[in-house]
Amino acid sequence: MLERQDILDVCPDMTVLADEPMRRHTSFAIGGPADLMALPGSPAALAALLALARRRETPVLLMGNGTNLLVSDQGVRGLVVKTHSGLAGLRRSGEREIVAGCGVLLSALASAAARWGLSGLAFAHGIPGTVGGAVCMNAGAYDGEMSRVVRRTSYVNAAGQFGVLAGPAHAFSYRHSFFTDHGGSFALEITLTLTPGDPDAIRAETEALNARRRAAQPLDLPSAGSVFKRPLGGHAAPLIEACGLKGARVGGAAVSDKHAGFIVNSGGATCEDVRRLIEQIQTRVRAETGVQLEPEIGLVGDFGAGAPA
């Protein structure tokens, strides 16, 4: 297993934290300590780090801004690699393209596109994650999704080797991509192709979507966004609400009174609270509607036999 000094011997300028509480790095504000957390500042540093972890047989969790993660109260064994603080370059390339590092926040990407008069990313402005995470999960909202704008992605695999995806090679589908099938690979730099438009009109569209989001979602409490994927032919929130689960609680975790698709940390929630509430929702919805809800959030850590599937 890796030690902090092992990383610094290879990457002396890298920030490396030991026993770092994951609650500081997740939008849920939940999670025990990571054995090690490293913040690489370049693709080369990330590749060297992954190759070192592979040689030392150390498990690796790659994360962006931690907005779609539920982390175990026991924390994360091995190495957590966080890209949000580095790998955040952003530039225009030609008339219709933007090139973004994986650590760029989607809000920053969408704002830059609007300034440059490029439309197609208004849907992404209110999604709190990074570009890399959004590509991995093919993030989307309000009839937009990353698959419609991503043209090319450079990536690194678990062995520290670089590769490139173009077009259909991304294997995009609903909350799915090449990266969900290749867990050891991570997007590095993403090229997006957009449509020229009027900056004022783009900003107006963005604000209209953000107003809809503020009106519908519990943005004032820690959460990881929508907990469940859309079931076939519908949405999870109406099913949860129809089963009388709005406001249901386990410890500090609660089904939002504002949007039944969200579980919020109302104060002091633990991972176990959220996990048990997820199980209760799945059980009730399955019993009353026959629909099996599948979590959309990433579950990190040892959750035991009762973990949501």
C-alpha atoms as a PDB file:
ATOM      1  CA  MET A   1       0.000   0.000   0.000  1.00  0.00           C
ATOM      2  CA  LEU A   2       1.106   3.537  -0.750  1.00  0.00           C
ATOM      3  CA  GLU A   3       2.394   5.886   1.910  1.00  0.00           C
ATOM      4  CA  ARG A   4       2.352   9.680   1.636  1.00  0.00           C
ATOM      5  CA  GLN A   5       6.134   9.859   1.215  1.00  0.00           C
ATOM      6  CA  ASP A   6       6.002   7.339  -1.654  1.00  0.00           C
ATOM      7  CA  ILE A   7       3.910   9.815  -3.646  1.00  0.00           C
ATOM      8  CA  LEU A   8       6.079  12.793  -2.750  1.00  0.00           C
ATOM      9  CA  ASP A   9       9.193  10.892  -3.833  1.00  0.00           C
ATOM     10  CA  VAL A  10       7.714  10.613  -7.343  1.00  0.00           C
ATOM     11  CA  CYS A  11       5.731  13.882  -7.428  1.00  0.00           C
ATOM     12  CA  PRO A  12       7.408  16.252  -4.929  1.00  0.00           C
ATOM     13  CA  ASP A  13       5.155  19.230  -5.751  1.00  0.00           C
ATOM     14  CA  MET A  14       1.869  17.369  -5.349  1.00  0.00           C
ATOM     15  CA  THR A  15      -0.472  18.117  -2.442  1.00  0.00           C
ATOM     16  CA  VAL A  16      -0.992  14.865  -0.521  1.00  0.00           C
ATOM     17  CA  LEU A  17      -3.249  14.661   2.551  1.00  0.00           C
ATOM     18  CA  ALA A  18      -3.367  11.792   5.050  1.00  0.00           C
ATOM     19  CA  ASP A  19      -6.516  10.686   6.918  1.00  0.00           C
ATOM     20  CA  GLU A  20      -8.483  13.410   5.157  1.00  0.00           C
ATOM     21  CA  PRO A  21     -12.198  13.520   6.122  1.00  0.00           C
ATOM     22  CA  MET A  22     -14.248  12.912   2.991  1.00  0.00           C
ATOM     23  CA  ARG A  23     -17.141  14.951   4.394  1.00  0.00           C
ATOM     24  CA  ARG A  24     -15.041  18.008   3.481  1.00  0.00           C
ATOM     25  CA  HIS A  25     -15.017  16.939  -0.156  1.00  0.00           C
ATOM     26  CA  THR A  26     -18.581  15.755  -0.851  1.00  0.00           C
ATOM     27  CA  SER A  27     -21.726  17.800  -1.431  1.00  0.00           C
ATOM     28  CA  PHE A  28     -23.527  15.463   1.005  1.00  0.00           C
ATOM     29  CA  ALA A  29     -21.048  16.568   3.729  1.00  0.00           C
ATOM     30  CA  ILE A  30     -20.790  12.880   4.640  1.00  0.00           C
ATOM     31  CA  GLY A  31     -17.871  10.457   4.718  1.00  0.00           C
ATOM     32  CA  GLY A  32     -15.087   9.146   6.926  1.00  0.00           C
ATOM     33  CA  PRO A  33     -11.358   9.634   6.338  1.00  0.00           C
ATOM     34  CA  ALA A  34      -9.490   8.708   3.194  1.00  0.00           C
ATOM     35  CA  ASP A  35      -6.175   7.003   3.912  1.00  0.00           C
ATOM     36  CA  LEU A  36      -4.565   9.317   1.369  1.00  0.00           C
ATOM     37  CA  MET A  37      -5.866  12.090  -0.864  1.00  0.00           C
ATOM     38  CA  ALA A  38      -3.759  13.496  -3.701  1.00  0.00           C
ATOM     39  CA  LEU A  39      -4.452  16.581  -5.813  1.00  0.00           C
ATOM     40  CA  PRO A  40      -2.533  16.290  -9.113  1.00  0.00           C
ATOM     41  CA  GLY A  41      -1.908  19.457 -11.063  1.00  0.00           C
ATOM     42  CA  SER A  42      -1.268  18.029 -14.522  1.00  0.00           C
ATOM     43  CA  PRO A  43      -2.151  14.991 -16.668  1.00  0.00           C
ATOM     44  CA  ALA A  44       1.455  13.790 -16.386  1.00  0.00           C
ATOM     45  CA  ALA A  45       1.305  13.941 -12.595  1.00  0.00           C
ATOM     46  CA  LEU A  46      -1.993  12.042 -12.576  1.00  0.00           C
ATOM     47  CA  ALA A  47      -0.596   9.361 -14.890  1.00  0.00           C
ATOM     48  CA  ALA A  48       2.502   8.950 -12.695  1.00  0.00           C
ATOM     49  CA  LEU A  49       0.311   8.727  -9.607  1.00  0.00           C
ATOM     50  CA  LEU A  50      -1.944   6.035 -11.091  1.00  0.00           C
ATOM     51  CA  ALA A  51       1.033   3.994 -12.298  1.00  0.00           C
ATOM     52  CA  LEU A  52       2.588   4.197  -8.828  1.00  0.00           C
ATOM     53  CA  ALA A  53      -0.651   3.107  -7.146  1.00  0.00           C
ATOM     54  CA  ARG A  54      -0.917   0.164  -9.530  1.00  0.00           C
ATOM     55  CA  ARG A  55       2.622  -0.961  -8.759  1.00  0.00           C
ATOM     56  CA  ARG A  56       1.921  -0.732  -5.023  1.00  0.00           C
ATOM     57  CA  GLU A  57      -1.438  -2.540  -5.401  1.00  0.00           C
ATOM     58  CA  THR A  58      -3.266   0.387  -3.829  1.00  0.00           C
ATOM     59  CA  PRO A  59      -6.983   0.901  -4.643  1.00  0.00           C
ATOM     60  CA  VAL A  60      -7.789   4.279  -6.197  1.00  0.00           C
ATOM     61  CA  LEU A  61     -10.929   6.406  -6.137  1.00  0.00           C
ATOM     62  CA  LEU A  62     -10.927   9.114  -8.805  1.00  0.00           C
ATOM     63  CA  MET A  63     -13.267  12.015  -8.064  1.00  0.00           C
ATOM     64  CA  GLY A  64     -14.069  15.491  -9.291  1.00  0.00           C
ATOM     65  CA  ASN A  65     -15.995  17.794  -6.956  1.00  0.00           C
ATOM     66  CA  GLY A  66     -17.690  15.031  -4.935  1.00  0.00           C
ATOM     67  CA  THR A  67     -21.217  16.054  -5.896  1.00  0.00           C
ATOM     68  CA  ASN A  68     -22.520  12.603  -6.757  1.00  0.00           C
ATOM     69  CA  LEU A  69     -20.937  10.478  -4.016  1.00  0.00           C
ATOM     70  CA  LEU A  70     -22.123   8.815  -0.840  1.00  0.00           C
ATOM     71  CA  VAL A  71     -19.001   7.832   1.088  1.00  0.00           C
ATOM     72  CA  SER A  72     -18.899   5.260   3.882  1.00  0.00           C
ATOM     73  CA  ASP A  73     -18.676   6.472   7.477  1.00  0.00           C
ATOM     74  CA  GLN A  74     -15.584   4.242   7.729  1.00  0.00           C
ATOM     75  CA  GLY A  75     -13.963   6.251   4.951  1.00  0.00           C
ATOM     76  CA  VAL A  76     -11.978   5.109   1.929  1.00  0.00           C
ATOM     77  CA  ARG A  77      -9.082   2.704   2.032  1.00  0.00           C
ATOM     78  CA  GLY A  78      -6.225   3.418  -0.314  1.00  0.00           C
ATOM     79  CA  LEU A  79      -5.874   6.571  -2.408  1.00  0.00           C
ATOM     80  CA  VAL A  80      -8.423   9.222  -3.361  1.00  0.00           C
ATOM     81  CA  VAL A  81      -7.409  11.376  -6.341  1.00  0.00           C
ATOM     82  CA  LYS A  82      -9.285  14.673  -6.567  1.00  0.00           C
ATOM     83  CA  THR A  83      -9.070  16.667  -9.791  1.00  0.00           C
ATOM     84  CA  HIS A  84     -11.189  19.757  -9.066  1.00  0.00           C
ATOM     85  CA  SER A  85      -8.349  21.851  -7.639  1.00  0.00           C
ATOM     86  CA  GLY A  86      -6.074  21.095 -10.611  1.00  0.00           C
ATOM     87  CA  LEU A  87      -6.561  19.897 -14.197  1.00  0.00           C
ATOM     88  CA  ALA A  88      -8.825  22.909 -14.688  1.00  0.00           C
ATOM     89  CA  GLY A  89      -7.630  24.519 -17.911  1.00  0.00           C
ATOM     90  CA  LEU A  90     -10.291  26.102 -20.122  1.00  0.00           C
ATOM     91  CA  ARG A  91      -9.832  27.592 -23.587  1.00  0.00           C
ATOM     92  CA  ARG A  92     -11.641  28.264 -26.837  1.00  0.00           C
ATOM     93  CA  SER A  93     -10.499  26.310 -29.865  1.00  0.00           C
ATOM     94  CA  GLY A  94     -11.683  27.598 -33.212  1.00  0.00           C
ATOM     95  CA  GLU A  95     -15.100  29.068 -33.906  1.00  0.00           C
ATOM     96  CA  ARG A  96     -17.290  26.407 -32.292  1.00  0.00           C
ATOM     97  CA  GLU A  97     -15.147  24.413 -29.867  1.00  0.00           C
ATOM     98  CA  ILE A  98     -14.149  24.645 -26.211  1.00  0.00           C
ATOM     99  CA  VAL A  99     -11.436  22.507 -24.618  1.00  0.00           C
ATOM    100  CA  ALA A 100     -11.909  21.914 -20.875  1.00  0.00           C
ATOM    101  CA  GLY A 101      -9.824  20.105 -18.283  1.00  0.00           C
ATOM    102  CA  CYS A 102     -11.643  17.450 -16.301  1.00  0.00           C
ATOM    103  CA  GLY A 103     -11.497  19.540 -13.116  1.00  0.00           C
ATOM    104  CA  VAL A 104     -13.396  22.517 -14.564  1.00  0.00           C
ATOM    105  CA  LEU A 105     -16.746  23.088 -12.859  1.00  0.00           C
ATOM    106  CA  LEU A 106     -19.714  22.785 -15.212  1.00  0.00           C
ATOM    107  CA  SER A 107     -20.941  26.206 -14.075  1.00  0.00           C
ATOM    108  CA  ALA A 108     -17.618  27.764 -15.142  1.00  0.00           C
ATOM    109  CA  LEU A 109     -17.733  25.931 -18.467  1.00  0.00           C
ATOM    110  CA  ALA A 110     -21.288  27.080 -19.193  1.00  0.00           C
ATOM    111  CA  SER A 111     -20.481  30.669 -18.205  1.00  0.00           C
ATOM    112  CA  ALA A 112     -17.441  30.725 -20.500  1.00  0.00           C
ATOM    113  CA  ALA A 113     -19.502  29.341 -23.372  1.00  0.00           C
ATOM    114  CA  ALA A 114     -22.074  32.088 -22.891  1.00  0.00           C
ATOM    115  CA  ARG A 115     -19.371  34.791 -22.869  1.00  0.00           C
ATOM    116  CA  TRP A 116     -17.973  33.400 -26.089  1.00  0.00           C
ATOM    117  CA  GLY A 117     -21.417  33.273 -27.729  1.00  0.00           C
ATOM    118  CA  LEU A 118     -21.613  29.473 -27.870  1.00  0.00           C
ATOM    119  CA  SER A 119     -24.891  27.752 -27.037  1.00  0.00           C
ATOM    120  CA  GLY A 120     -25.645  24.198 -25.984  1.00  0.00           C
ATOM    121  CA  LEU A 121     -24.553  24.222 -22.338  1.00  0.00           C
ATOM    122  CA  ALA A 122     -27.303  26.218 -20.587  1.00  0.00           C
ATOM    123  CA  PHE A 123     -28.592  22.957 -19.075  1.00  0.00           C
ATOM    124  CA  ALA A 124     -25.218  22.331 -17.412  1.00  0.00           C
ATOM    125  CA  HIS A 125     -24.824  25.605 -15.521  1.00  0.00           C
ATOM    126  CA  GLY A 126     -26.738  24.464 -12.449  1.00  0.00           C
ATOM    127  CA  ILE A 127     -25.186  20.987 -12.252  1.00  0.00           C
ATOM    128  CA  PRO A 128     -22.589  21.280  -9.456  1.00  0.00           C
ATOM    129  CA  GLY A 129     -20.022  18.736 -10.646  1.00  0.00           C
ATOM    130  CA  THR A 130     -16.947  18.875 -12.850  1.00  0.00           C
ATOM    131  CA  VAL A 131     -16.662  18.326 -16.586  1.00  0.00           C
ATOM    132  CA  GLY A 132     -14.826  15.024 -16.094  1.00  0.00           C
ATOM    133  CA  GLY A 133     -17.527  13.631 -13.840  1.00  0.00           C
ATOM    134  CA  ALA A 134     -20.239  14.893 -16.174  1.00  0.00           C
ATOM    135  CA  VAL A 135     -18.687  13.068 -19.125  1.00  0.00           C
ATOM    136  CA  CYS A 136     -18.325   9.886 -17.086  1.00  0.00           C
ATOM    137  CA  MET A 137     -22.014   9.895 -16.094  1.00  0.00           C
ATOM    138  CA  ASN A 138     -23.300  11.573 -19.258  1.00  0.00           C
ATOM    139  CA  ALA A 139     -24.841  14.185 -16.984  1.00  0.00           C
ATOM    140  CA  GLY A 140     -27.942  15.945 -18.164  1.00  0.00           C
ATOM    141  CA  ALA A 141     -30.927  18.085 -17.204  1.00  0.00           C
ATOM    142  CA  TYR A 142     -33.819  19.868 -18.870  1.00  0.00           C
ATOM    143  CA  ASP A 143     -33.565  17.907 -22.124  1.00  0.00           C
ATOM    144  CA  GLY A 144     -29.826  18.497 -22.474  1.00  0.00           C
ATOM    145  CA  GLU A 145     -26.954  16.086 -21.840  1.00  0.00           C
ATOM    146  CA  MET A 146     -23.218  15.868 -22.360  1.00  0.00           C
ATOM    147  CA  SER A 147     -23.458  13.332 -25.180  1.00  0.00           C
ATOM    148  CA  ARG A 148     -24.842  16.066 -27.440  1.00  0.00           C
ATOM    149  CA  VAL A 149     -21.843  18.363 -27.095  1.00  0.00           C
ATOM    150  CA  VAL A 150     -18.792  16.175 -26.348  1.00  0.00           C
ATOM    151  CA  ARG A 151     -16.694  15.452 -29.453  1.00  0.00           C
ATOM    152  CA  ARG A 152     -13.369  14.193 -28.140  1.00  0.00           C
ATOM    153  CA  THR A 153     -11.918  13.099 -24.791  1.00  0.00           C
ATOM    154  CA  SER A 154      -8.345  12.324 -23.829  1.00  0.00           C
ATOM    155  CA  TYR A 155      -8.071   9.971 -20.873  1.00  0.00           C
ATOM    156  CA  VAL A 156      -5.705   7.994 -18.702  1.00  0.00           C
ATOM    157  CA  ASN A 157      -6.226   4.398 -17.597  1.00  0.00           C
ATOM    158  CA  ALA A 158      -5.374   2.650 -14.338  1.00  0.00           C
ATOM    159  CA  ALA A 159      -1.891   1.800 -15.599  1.00  0.00           C
ATOM    160  CA  GLY A 160      -1.125   5.473 -16.274  1.00  0.00           C
ATOM    161  CA  GLN A 161      -1.410   5.057 -20.063  1.00  0.00           C
ATOM    162  CA  PHE A 162      -3.054   7.737 -22.213  1.00  0.00           C
ATOM    163  CA  GLY A 163      -5.806   7.241 -24.785  1.00  0.00           C
ATOM    164  CA  VAL A 164      -8.305   9.221 -26.844  1.00  0.00           C
ATOM    165  CA  LEU A 165     -12.028   8.744 -27.479  1.00  0.00           C
ATOM    166  CA  ALA A 166     -13.849  10.354 -30.388  1.00  0.00           C
ATOM    167  CA  GLY A 167     -17.551  10.432 -31.205  1.00  0.00           C
ATOM    168  CA  PRO A 168     -19.293   7.058 -30.798  1.00  0.00           C
ATOM    169  CA  ALA A 169     -16.332   5.606 -28.886  1.00  0.00           C
ATOM    170  CA  HIS A 170     -17.664   7.443 -25.823  1.00  0.00           C
ATOM    171  CA  ALA A 171     -20.493   4.849 -25.721  1.00  0.00           C
ATOM    172  CA  PHE A 172     -22.902   7.408 -24.292  1.00  0.00           C
ATOM    173  CA  SER A 173     -26.352   6.394 -23.094  1.00  0.00           C
ATOM    174  CA  TYR A 174     -28.481   7.393 -20.105  1.00  0.00           C
ATOM    175  CA  ARG A 175     -26.077   7.973 -17.169  1.00  0.00           C
ATOM    176  CA  HIS A 176     -23.548   5.765 -18.924  1.00  0.00           C
ATOM    177  CA  SER A 177     -20.347   6.092 -20.936  1.00  0.00           C
ATOM    178  CA  PHE A 178     -17.107   4.341 -21.793  1.00  0.00           C
ATOM    179  CA  PHE A 179     -15.884   5.406 -18.345  1.00  0.00           C
ATOM    180  CA  THR A 180     -18.655   3.662 -16.406  1.00  0.00           C
ATOM    181  CA  ASP A 181     -17.595   0.448 -18.176  1.00  0.00           C
ATOM    182  CA  HIS A 182     -13.871   1.072 -17.564  1.00  0.00           C
ATOM    183  CA  GLY A 183     -13.661   2.050 -13.909  1.00  0.00           C
ATOM    184  CA  GLY A 184      -9.906   2.494 -13.923  1.00  0.00           C
ATOM    185  CA  SER A 185      -9.987   5.083 -16.708  1.00  0.00           C
ATOM    186  CA  PHE A 186     -10.491   8.798 -16.161  1.00  0.00           C
ATOM    187  CA  ALA A 187     -11.236  11.686 -18.520  1.00  0.00           C
ATOM    188  CA  LEU A 188      -8.478  14.305 -18.694  1.00  0.00           C
ATOM    189  CA  GLU A 189      -9.341  16.880 -21.349  1.00  0.00           C
ATOM    190  CA  ILE A 190     -12.668  17.231 -23.130  1.00  0.00           C
ATOM    191  CA  THR A 191     -13.357  18.945 -26.462  1.00  0.00           C
ATOM    192  CA  LEU A 192     -16.937  20.181 -26.878  1.00  0.00           C
ATOM    193  CA  THR A 193     -18.554  21.321 -30.113  1.00  0.00           C
ATOM    194  CA  LEU A 194     -21.212  24.000 -29.628  1.00  0.00           C
ATOM    195  CA  THR A 195     -23.449  26.270 -31.715  1.00  0.00           C
ATOM    196  CA  PRO A 196     -22.771  29.996 -32.228  1.00  0.00           C
ATOM    197  CA  GLY A 197     -25.471  32.136 -30.658  1.00  0.00           C
ATOM    198  CA  ASP A 198     -26.272  35.480 -29.081  1.00  0.00           C
ATOM    199  CA  PRO A 199     -24.609  35.817 -25.637  1.00  0.00           C
ATOM    200  CA  ASP A 200     -27.567  37.673 -24.131  1.00  0.00           C
ATOM    201  CA  ALA A 201     -30.004  35.003 -25.341  1.00  0.00           C
ATOM    202  CA  ILE A 202     -27.765  32.239 -23.987  1.00  0.00           C
ATOM    203  CA  ARG A 203     -27.539  33.952 -20.596  1.00  0.00           C
ATOM    204  CA  ALA A 204     -31.332  34.417 -20.538  1.00  0.00           C
ATOM    205  CA  GLU A 205     -31.858  30.714 -21.246  1.00  0.00           C
ATOM    206  CA  THR A 206     -29.369  29.793 -18.546  1.00  0.00           C
ATOM    207  CA  GLU A 207     -31.047  31.994 -15.947  1.00  0.00           C
ATOM    208  CA  ALA A 208     -34.490  30.635 -16.864  1.00  0.00           C
ATOM    209  CA  LEU A 209     -33.304  27.061 -16.308  1.00  0.00           C
ATOM    210  CA  ASN A 210     -31.572  28.029 -13.061  1.00  0.00           C
ATOM    211  CA  ALA A 211     -34.774  29.669 -11.830  1.00  0.00           C
ATOM    212  CA  ARG A 212     -36.651  26.431 -12.549  1.00  0.00           C
ATOM    213  CA  ARG A 213     -33.975  24.526 -10.638  1.00  0.00           C
ATOM    214  CA  ARG A 214     -34.148  26.859  -7.620  1.00  0.00           C
ATOM    215  CA  ALA A 215     -37.930  26.583  -7.529  1.00  0.00           C
ATOM    216  CA  ALA A 216     -37.950  22.790  -7.706  1.00  0.00           C
ATOM    217  CA  GLN A 217     -34.861  21.562  -5.871  1.00  0.00           C
ATOM    218  CA  PRO A 218     -33.675  21.784  -2.225  1.00  0.00           C
ATOM    219  CA  LEU A 219     -30.484  23.694  -2.948  1.00  0.00           C
ATOM    220  CA  ASP A 220     -30.240  25.047   0.614  1.00  0.00           C
ATOM    221  CA  LEU A 221     -29.306  21.669   2.160  1.00  0.00           C
ATOM    222  CA  PRO A 222     -26.428  19.262   1.476  1.00  0.00           C
ATOM    223  CA  SER A 223     -27.355  16.527  -0.982  1.00  0.00           C
ATOM    224  CA  ALA A 224     -25.965  14.574  -3.916  1.00  0.00           C
ATOM    225  CA  GLY A 225     -28.688  15.620  -6.334  1.00  0.00           C
ATOM    226  CA  SER A 226     -31.178  13.114  -7.656  1.00  0.00           C
ATOM    227  CA  VAL A 227     -30.635   9.859  -5.783  1.00  0.00           C
ATOM    228  CA  PHE A 228     -32.228   7.478  -8.289  1.00  0.00           C
ATOM    229  CA  LYS A 229     -32.008   6.968 -12.027  1.00  0.00           C
ATOM    230  CA  ARG A 230     -35.144   7.453 -14.078  1.00  0.00           C
ATOM    231  CA  PRO A 231     -37.122   4.202 -14.175  1.00  0.00           C
ATOM    232  CA  LEU A 232     -38.375   3.027 -17.549  1.00  0.00           C
ATOM    233  CA  GLY A 233     -41.191   5.246 -18.739  1.00  0.00           C
ATOM    234  CA  GLY A 234     -41.181   7.727 -15.888  1.00  0.00           C
ATOM    235  CA  HIS A 235     -39.373   9.504 -13.057  1.00  0.00           C
ATOM    236  CA  ALA A 236     -38.458   8.418  -9.557  1.00  0.00           C
ATOM    237  CA  ALA A 237     -39.760  11.454  -7.640  1.00  0.00           C
ATOM    238  CA  PRO A 238     -43.495  10.996  -8.452  1.00  0.00           C
ATOM    239  CA  LEU A 239     -43.285   7.324  -7.462  1.00  0.00           C
ATOM    240  CA  ILE A 240     -41.613   8.188  -4.151  1.00  0.00           C
ATOM    241  CA  GLU A 241     -44.142  10.917  -3.434  1.00  0.00           C
ATOM    242  CA  ALA A 242     -47.091   8.666  -4.366  1.00  0.00           C
ATOM    243  CA  CYS A 243     -45.846   6.158  -1.784  1.00  0.00           C
ATOM    244  CA  GLY A 244     -46.102   8.820   0.941  1.00  0.00           C
ATOM    245  CA  LEU A 245     -42.366   9.104   1.440  1.00  0.00           C
ATOM    246  CA  LYS A 246     -41.882  12.861   1.168  1.00  0.00           C
ATOM    247  CA  GLY A 247     -40.341  13.933   4.442  1.00  0.00           C
ATOM    248  CA  ALA A 248     -39.437  10.372   5.496  1.00  0.00           C
ATOM    249  CA  ARG A 249     -36.381  10.349   7.752  1.00  0.00           C
ATOM    250  CA  VAL A 250     -33.667   8.108   9.100  1.00  0.00           C
ATOM    251  CA  GLY A 251     -31.473   9.972  11.561  1.00  0.00           C
ATOM    252  CA  GLY A 252     -30.255  13.154   9.901  1.00  0.00           C
ATOM    253  CA  ALA A 253     -31.164  11.981   6.384  1.00  0.00           C
ATOM    254  CA  ALA A 254     -34.536  12.995   4.944  1.00  0.00           C
ATOM    255  CA  VAL A 255     -36.480  12.753   1.708  1.00  0.00           C
ATOM    256  CA  SER A 256     -36.800  16.383   0.651  1.00  0.00           C
ATOM    257  CA  ASP A 257     -40.185  18.040   1.200  1.00  0.00           C
ATOM    258  CA  LYS A 258     -39.465  20.076  -1.928  1.00  0.00           C
ATOM    259  CA  HIS A 259     -38.382  17.312  -4.338  1.00  0.00           C
ATOM    260  CA  ALA A 260     -38.942  13.655  -3.459  1.00  0.00           C
ATOM    261  CA  GLY A 261     -36.064  12.576  -5.711  1.00  0.00           C
ATOM    262  CA  PHE A 262     -33.560  14.194  -3.335  1.00  0.00           C
ATOM    263  CA  ILE A 263     -32.286  12.907  -0.011  1.00  0.00           C
ATOM    264  CA  VAL A 264     -30.891  15.780   2.034  1.00  0.00           C
ATOM    265  CA  ASN A 265     -28.558  15.994   5.003  1.00  0.00           C
ATOM    266  CA  SER A 266     -30.768  17.896   7.430  1.00  0.00           C
ATOM    267  CA  GLY A 267     -28.005  17.955  10.024  1.00  0.00           C
ATOM    268  CA  GLY A 268     -25.517  15.360  11.180  1.00  0.00           C
ATOM    269  CA  ALA A 269     -26.590  12.685   8.720  1.00  0.00           C
ATOM    270  CA  THR A 270     -24.313   9.668   8.393  1.00  0.00           C
ATOM    271  CA  CYS A 271     -23.748   7.440   5.408  1.00  0.00           C
ATOM    272  CA  GLU A 272     -25.611   4.688   7.268  1.00  0.00           C
ATOM    273  CA  ASP A 273     -28.625   7.017   7.678  1.00  0.00           C
ATOM    274  CA  VAL A 274     -28.712   7.678   3.933  1.00  0.00           C
ATOM    275  CA  ARG A 275     -28.130   4.040   3.041  1.00  0.00           C
ATOM    276  CA  ARG A 276     -30.994   2.871   5.247  1.00  0.00           C
ATOM    277  CA  LEU A 277     -33.293   5.542   3.835  1.00  0.00           C
ATOM    278  CA  ILE A 278     -32.412   4.486   0.281  1.00  0.00           C
ATOM    279  CA  GLU A 279     -33.293   0.893   1.186  1.00  0.00           C
ATOM    280  CA  GLN A 280     -36.609   1.964   2.706  1.00  0.00           C
ATOM    281  CA  ILE A 281     -37.515   3.926  -0.414  1.00  0.00           C
ATOM    282  CA  GLN A 282     -36.569   1.043  -2.709  1.00  0.00           C
ATOM    283  CA  THR A 283     -38.558  -1.451  -0.631  1.00  0.00           C
ATOM    284  CA  ARG A 284     -41.707   0.695  -0.415  1.00  0.00           C
ATOM    285  CA  VAL A 285     -41.704   1.717  -4.074  1.00  0.00           C
ATOM    286  CA  ARG A 286     -41.104  -1.862  -5.207  1.00  0.00           C
ATOM    287  CA  ALA A 287     -43.914  -3.182  -2.977  1.00  0.00           C
ATOM    288  CA  GLU A 288     -46.450  -0.545  -4.014  1.00  0.00           C
ATOM    289  CA  THR A 289     -45.594  -0.004  -7.690  1.00  0.00           C
ATOM    290  CA  GLY A 290     -43.495  -2.978  -8.780  1.00  0.00           C
ATOM    291  CA  VAL A 291     -40.694  -0.614  -9.853  1.00  0.00           C
ATOM    292  CA  GLN A 292     -37.123  -1.275  -8.693  1.00  0.00           C
ATOM    293  CA  LEU A 293     -35.357   2.057  -8.255  1.00  0.00           C
ATOM    294  CA  GLU A 294     -31.640   2.069  -9.031  1.00  0.00           C
ATOM    295  CA  PRO A 295     -29.343   4.570  -7.293  1.00  0.00           C
ATOM    296  CA  GLU A 296     -27.752   7.191  -9.517  1.00  0.00           C
ATOM    297  CA  ILE A 297     -25.277   8.368  -6.890  1.00  0.00           C
ATOM    298  CA  GLY A 298     -21.952   6.622  -6.477  1.00  0.00           C
ATOM    299  CA  LEU A 299     -21.666   4.474  -3.358  1.00  0.00           C
ATOM    300  CA  VAL A 300     -18.095   4.439  -2.041  1.00  0.00           C
ATOM    301  CA  GLY A 301     -16.830   2.106   0.670  1.00  0.00           C
ATOM    302  CA  ASP A 302     -17.782  -1.159   2.320  1.00  0.00           C
ATOM    303  CA  PHE A 303     -21.567  -1.160   2.657  1.00  0.00           C
ATOM    304  CA  GLY A 304     -22.104  -4.844   3.472  1.00  0.00           C
ATOM    305  CA  ALA A 305     -24.679  -7.269   2.075  1.00  0.00           C
ATOM    306  CA  GLY A 306     -27.569  -4.854   2.518  1.00  0.00           C
ATOM    307  CA  ALA A 307     -26.157  -2.209   0.222  1.00  0.00           C
ATOM    308  CA  PRO A 308     -28.437  -0.758  -2.461  1.00  0.00           C
ATOM    309  CA  ALA A 309     -27.774  -2.456  -5.786  1.00  0.00           C
END
